[in-house]
Structures are given as C-alpha cells and as structure tokens.
Amino acid sequence: MDRTDPTPVDLLDEIRAALDAVDPLLVGRVVDIEMARLNVLTDPALFRRVLARLVGAAVAQTEPPDSITVRVARKGKTARIEVINEGSPAAHGDLEDVTAETEAFRAIGGEIGATGPAGIATYWMTVPLTPGTSNAAHA
C-alpha cells in the first residue's frame, strides 16, 4: 500500500462517507453518531476503508434491530473514533485482515484497536487533529 500524505478533512463528512459505503451492512440497524465537529489530518480514502472495516466488525456481532454507535471525542491532539455495539465482546481477530491498512494508517499518525468488556464491543481508531485550527465543537 502506497504511503500518501495526509490532508485536512472534516471528520463528520468522512464518517458519513464511510457509513454510506457500508450501508448494505447496516440494513435494519440504527446507527447513532455522537460527536463534536472536528477537522483531522488523514488520507480520506484510507480513513474510510479503516472505519468501514471497524463498522463491519461491529455489525458482524449484532443482529437487526441492534444499534451501532459511532462516538467521537477529542483526546489531546487526536480525535478518537469508537464504533460500539452491544452484542458481544470485541474480538481482536476481527481486525486481523486490516494489517496492511493498519501499517499505512499508523504511518500517517493513526492507530487502530479493539476493546470490550462483557456484552459490549468497542472498535476504535485515532487520527491527528489538524494543527492550527480551533477544532471547536460546532456540530
């Protein structure tokens, strides 16, 4: 996978685009987005692929009409995006085939992971905030 230079993007726009790409997986499920509007520095195509994979992992552990929550929070100089289901604990193996994307994503400052106490799976990723912008909540 080629290394690309990250560009400033509106995080909400990228999340919506990633969810649109996996819309067939979401049929019969409610998707809640909880976030402040932030600008991040990332490769938009890579971001969408990684987020789509995390959503797919969360969906695989739920049945309609179970809901999926996409939650975004500012964490220092990064935005943390969590994809949460209330199906079963996160299985780190669900992310194994993200390896090439994980390497590329880390190369541009992102991280990917999974956690999950009993009954809740949380797949997460972080991306750097765009430097020099206020990144104030204005959702």
C-alpha atoms as a PDB file:
ATOM      1  CA  MET A   1       0.000   0.000   0.000  1.00  0.00           C
ATOM      2  CA  ASP A   2       1.486   3.317  -1.051  1.00  0.00           C
ATOM      3  CA  ARG A   3       2.209   5.952   1.551  1.00  0.00           C
ATOM      4  CA  THR A   4       0.194   9.087   0.980  1.00  0.00           C
ATOM      5  CA  ASP A   5       0.387  12.479   2.552  1.00  0.00           C
ATOM      6  CA  PRO A   6      -2.485  13.220   4.916  1.00  0.00           C
ATOM      7  CA  THR A   7      -4.720  16.185   4.156  1.00  0.00           C
ATOM      8  CA  PRO A   8      -7.051  18.255   6.375  1.00  0.00           C
ATOM      9  CA  VAL A   9     -10.627  16.937   6.263  1.00  0.00           C
ATOM     10  CA  ASP A  10     -13.902  17.425   8.113  1.00  0.00           C
ATOM     11  CA  LEU A  11     -14.265  14.336  10.303  1.00  0.00           C
ATOM     12  CA  LEU A  12     -18.074  14.251  10.191  1.00  0.00           C
ATOM     13  CA  ASP A  13     -18.024  14.266   6.377  1.00  0.00           C
ATOM     14  CA  GLU A  14     -15.559  11.361   6.341  1.00  0.00           C
ATOM     15  CA  ILE A  15     -17.581   9.349   8.865  1.00  0.00           C
ATOM     16  CA  ARG A  16     -20.744   9.839   6.814  1.00  0.00           C
ATOM     17  CA  ALA A  17     -18.922   8.775   3.626  1.00  0.00           C
ATOM     18  CA  ALA A  18     -17.582   5.630   5.324  1.00  0.00           C
ATOM     19  CA  LEU A  19     -21.048   4.730   6.628  1.00  0.00           C
ATOM     20  CA  ASP A  20     -22.545   5.302   3.174  1.00  0.00           C
ATOM     21  CA  ALA A  21     -20.009   2.827   1.761  1.00  0.00           C
ATOM     22  CA  VAL A  22     -21.198   0.082   4.135  1.00  0.00           C
ATOM     23  CA  ASP A  23     -24.888   0.975   4.024  1.00  0.00           C
ATOM     24  CA  PRO A  24     -25.969  -2.547   2.932  1.00  0.00           C
ATOM     25  CA  LEU A  25     -24.422  -3.956   6.133  1.00  0.00           C
ATOM     26  CA  LEU A  26     -26.466  -1.549   8.236  1.00  0.00           C
ATOM     27  CA  VAL A  27     -29.931  -2.521   6.976  1.00  0.00           C
ATOM     28  CA  GLY A  28     -32.291  -2.945   9.926  1.00  0.00           C
ATOM     29  CA  ARG A  29     -29.880  -1.354  12.404  1.00  0.00           C
ATOM     30  CA  VAL A  30     -29.893   2.076  13.983  1.00  0.00           C
ATOM     31  CA  VAL A  31     -26.597   3.965  13.706  1.00  0.00           C
ATOM     32  CA  ASP A  32     -26.124   6.788  16.188  1.00  0.00           C
ATOM     33  CA  ILE A  33     -23.339   9.327  15.661  1.00  0.00           C
ATOM     34  CA  GLU A  34     -22.208  11.163  18.785  1.00  0.00           C
ATOM     35  CA  MET A  35     -19.577  13.772  18.089  1.00  0.00           C
ATOM     36  CA  ALA A  36     -18.257  17.267  18.112  1.00  0.00           C
ATOM     37  CA  ARG A  37     -17.316  18.601  14.691  1.00  0.00           C
ATOM     38  CA  LEU A  38     -13.554  18.274  14.261  1.00  0.00           C
ATOM     39  CA  ASN A  39     -11.012  18.724  11.486  1.00  0.00           C
ATOM     40  CA  VAL A  40      -8.431  15.972  11.211  1.00  0.00           C
ATOM     41  CA  LEU A  41      -5.324  15.246   9.190  1.00  0.00           C
ATOM     42  CA  THR A  42      -5.656  11.953   7.318  1.00  0.00           C
ATOM     43  CA  ASP A  43      -5.805  10.201   3.975  1.00  0.00           C
ATOM     44  CA  PRO A  44      -9.567  10.273   3.291  1.00  0.00           C
ATOM     45  CA  ALA A  45      -9.693   7.038   1.252  1.00  0.00           C
ATOM     46  CA  LEU A  46      -7.627   5.134   3.823  1.00  0.00           C
ATOM     47  CA  PHE A  47      -9.677   6.572   6.700  1.00  0.00           C
ATOM     48  CA  ARG A  48     -12.913   5.437   5.042  1.00  0.00           C
ATOM     49  CA  ARG A  49     -11.572   1.914   4.425  1.00  0.00           C
ATOM     50  CA  VAL A  50     -10.401   1.530   8.018  1.00  0.00           C
ATOM     51  CA  LEU A  51     -13.623   2.906   9.512  1.00  0.00           C
ATOM     52  CA  ALA A  52     -15.693   0.696   7.189  1.00  0.00           C
ATOM     53  CA  ARG A  53     -13.733  -2.324   8.438  1.00  0.00           C
ATOM     54  CA  LEU A  54     -14.363  -1.370  12.075  1.00  0.00           C
ATOM     55  CA  VAL A  55     -18.082  -0.924  11.376  1.00  0.00           C
ATOM     56  CA  GLY A  56     -18.122  -4.293   9.620  1.00  0.00           C
ATOM     57  CA  ALA A  57     -16.518  -5.964  12.635  1.00  0.00           C
ATOM     58  CA  ALA A  58     -19.105  -4.410  14.955  1.00  0.00           C
ATOM     59  CA  VAL A  59     -22.013  -5.340  12.682  1.00  0.00           C
ATOM     60  CA  ALA A  60     -20.819  -8.945  12.454  1.00  0.00           C
ATOM     61  CA  GLN A  61     -21.553  -9.336  16.156  1.00  0.00           C
ATOM     62  CA  THR A  62     -25.074  -7.894  16.099  1.00  0.00           C
ATOM     63  CA  GLU A  63     -28.462  -8.735  14.672  1.00  0.00           C
ATOM     64  CA  PRO A  64     -31.080  -6.258  13.483  1.00  0.00           C
ATOM     65  CA  PRO A  65     -32.510  -4.217  15.156  1.00  0.00           C
ATOM     66  CA  ASP A  66     -29.402  -3.886  17.378  1.00  0.00           C
ATOM     67  CA  SER A  67     -27.787  -0.473  17.187  1.00  0.00           C
ATOM     68  CA  ILE A  68     -24.258   0.631  16.412  1.00  0.00           C
ATOM     69  CA  THR A  69     -22.886   3.843  17.924  1.00  0.00           C
ATOM     70  CA  VAL A  70     -20.106   5.873  16.340  1.00  0.00           C
ATOM     71  CA  ARG A  71     -18.701   8.127  19.058  1.00  0.00           C
ATOM     72  CA  VAL A  72     -16.009  10.740  18.546  1.00  0.00           C
ATOM     73  CA  ALA A  73     -14.087  12.512  21.275  1.00  0.00           C
ATOM     74  CA  ARG A  74     -11.137  14.863  21.249  1.00  0.00           C
ATOM     75  CA  LYS A  75      -8.172  13.302  23.077  1.00  0.00           C
ATOM     76  CA  GLY A  76      -5.316  15.770  23.284  1.00  0.00           C
ATOM     77  CA  LYS A  77      -4.009  16.268  19.738  1.00  0.00           C
ATOM     78  CA  THR A  78      -6.088  13.436  18.304  1.00  0.00           C
ATOM     79  CA  ALA A  79      -9.689  12.508  17.646  1.00  0.00           C
ATOM     80  CA  ARG A  80     -10.729   9.057  18.892  1.00  0.00           C
ATOM     81  CA  ILE A  81     -13.457   7.392  16.858  1.00  0.00           C
ATOM     82  CA  GLU A  82     -15.193   4.463  18.558  1.00  0.00           C
ATOM     83  CA  VAL A  83     -17.590   2.029  16.885  1.00  0.00           C
ATOM     84  CA  ILE A  84     -19.625   0.410  19.642  1.00  0.00           C
ATOM     85  CA  ASN A  85     -22.125  -2.417  19.604  1.00  0.00           C
ATOM     86  CA  GLU A  86     -23.879  -4.044  22.491  1.00  0.00           C
ATOM     87  CA  GLY A  87     -23.611  -7.539  21.070  1.00  0.00           C
ATOM     88  CA  SER A  88     -20.587  -9.387  22.345  1.00  0.00           C
ATOM     89  CA  PRO A  89     -17.069  -8.535  23.494  1.00  0.00           C
ATOM     90  CA  ALA A  90     -14.675  -7.264  20.849  1.00  0.00           C
ATOM     91  CA  ALA A  91     -12.651  -9.948  19.144  1.00  0.00           C
ATOM     92  CA  HIS A  92      -9.220  -8.660  18.212  1.00  0.00           C
ATOM     93  CA  GLY A  93      -9.146 -11.318  15.486  1.00  0.00           C
ATOM     94  CA  ASP A  94     -11.871  -9.352  13.707  1.00  0.00           C
ATOM     95  CA  LEU A  95      -9.184  -6.822  12.799  1.00  0.00           C
ATOM     96  CA  GLU A  96      -6.527  -9.252  11.536  1.00  0.00           C
ATOM     97  CA  ASP A  97      -7.153  -8.596   7.856  1.00  0.00           C
ATOM     98  CA  VAL A  98      -6.623  -4.872   8.391  1.00  0.00           C
ATOM     99  CA  THR A  99      -2.861  -5.418   8.679  1.00  0.00           C
ATOM    100  CA  ALA A 100      -1.772  -3.546   5.514  1.00  0.00           C
ATOM    101  CA  GLU A 101      -4.210  -0.740   6.231  1.00  0.00           C
ATOM    102  CA  THR A 102      -3.059  -0.647   9.852  1.00  0.00           C
ATOM    103  CA  GLU A 103       0.556  -0.108   8.759  1.00  0.00           C
ATOM    104  CA  ALA A 104      -0.427   2.639   6.310  1.00  0.00           C
ATOM    105  CA  PHE A 105      -2.736   4.240   8.846  1.00  0.00           C
ATOM    106  CA  ARG A 106      -0.019   4.281  11.515  1.00  0.00           C
ATOM    107  CA  ALA A 107       2.402   5.795   9.006  1.00  0.00           C
ATOM    108  CA  ILE A 108       0.162   8.874   8.780  1.00  0.00           C
ATOM    109  CA  GLY A 109      -0.332   9.167  12.552  1.00  0.00           C
ATOM    110  CA  GLY A 110      -3.378   6.964  13.198  1.00  0.00           C
ATOM    111  CA  GLU A 111      -3.955   3.996  15.494  1.00  0.00           C
ATOM    112  CA  ILE A 112      -6.481   1.137  15.416  1.00  0.00           C
ATOM    113  CA  GLY A 113      -7.626  -1.257  18.132  1.00  0.00           C
ATOM    114  CA  ALA A 114     -10.416  -3.124  19.872  1.00  0.00           C
ATOM    115  CA  THR A 115     -11.538  -3.482  23.462  1.00  0.00           C
ATOM    116  CA  GLY A 116     -14.596  -4.940  25.046  1.00  0.00           C
ATOM    117  CA  PRO A 117     -15.984  -5.807  28.434  1.00  0.00           C
ATOM    118  CA  ALA A 118     -18.673  -8.480  28.568  1.00  0.00           C
ATOM    119  CA  GLY A 119     -21.554  -7.625  26.258  1.00  0.00           C
ATOM    120  CA  ILE A 120     -20.042  -4.575  24.568  1.00  0.00           C
ATOM    121  CA  ALA A 121     -17.588  -4.422  21.678  1.00  0.00           C
ATOM    122  CA  THR A 122     -15.656  -1.224  21.026  1.00  0.00           C
ATOM    123  CA  TYR A 123     -13.562  -0.919  17.893  1.00  0.00           C
ATOM    124  CA  TRP A 124     -11.565   2.296  17.820  1.00  0.00           C
ATOM    125  CA  MET A 125      -9.228   4.404  15.748  1.00  0.00           C
ATOM    126  CA  THR A 126      -7.417   7.672  16.356  1.00  0.00           C
ATOM    127  CA  VAL A 127      -6.431  10.359  13.880  1.00  0.00           C
ATOM    128  CA  PRO A 128      -4.407  13.538  14.415  1.00  0.00           C
ATOM    129  CA  LEU A 129      -6.309  16.805  14.656  1.00  0.00           C
ATOM    130  CA  THR A 130      -5.480  19.382  12.007  1.00  0.00           C
ATOM    131  CA  PRO A 131      -2.811  21.666  13.521  1.00  0.00           C
ATOM    132  CA  GLY A 132      -3.537  25.350  13.701  1.00  0.00           C
ATOM    133  CA  THR A 133      -7.330  25.075  13.741  1.00  0.00           C
ATOM    134  CA  SER A 134      -9.591  25.640  16.692  1.00  0.00           C
ATOM    135  CA  ASN A 135     -11.332  22.275  16.340  1.00  0.00           C
ATOM    136  CA  ALA A 136     -14.118  23.690  18.479  1.00  0.00           C
ATOM    137  CA  ALA A 137     -17.359  21.798  18.713  1.00  0.00           C
ATOM    138  CA  HIS A 138     -19.804  23.243  16.209  1.00  0.00           C
ATOM    139  CA  ALA A 139     -21.822  20.202  15.217  1.00  0.00           C
END
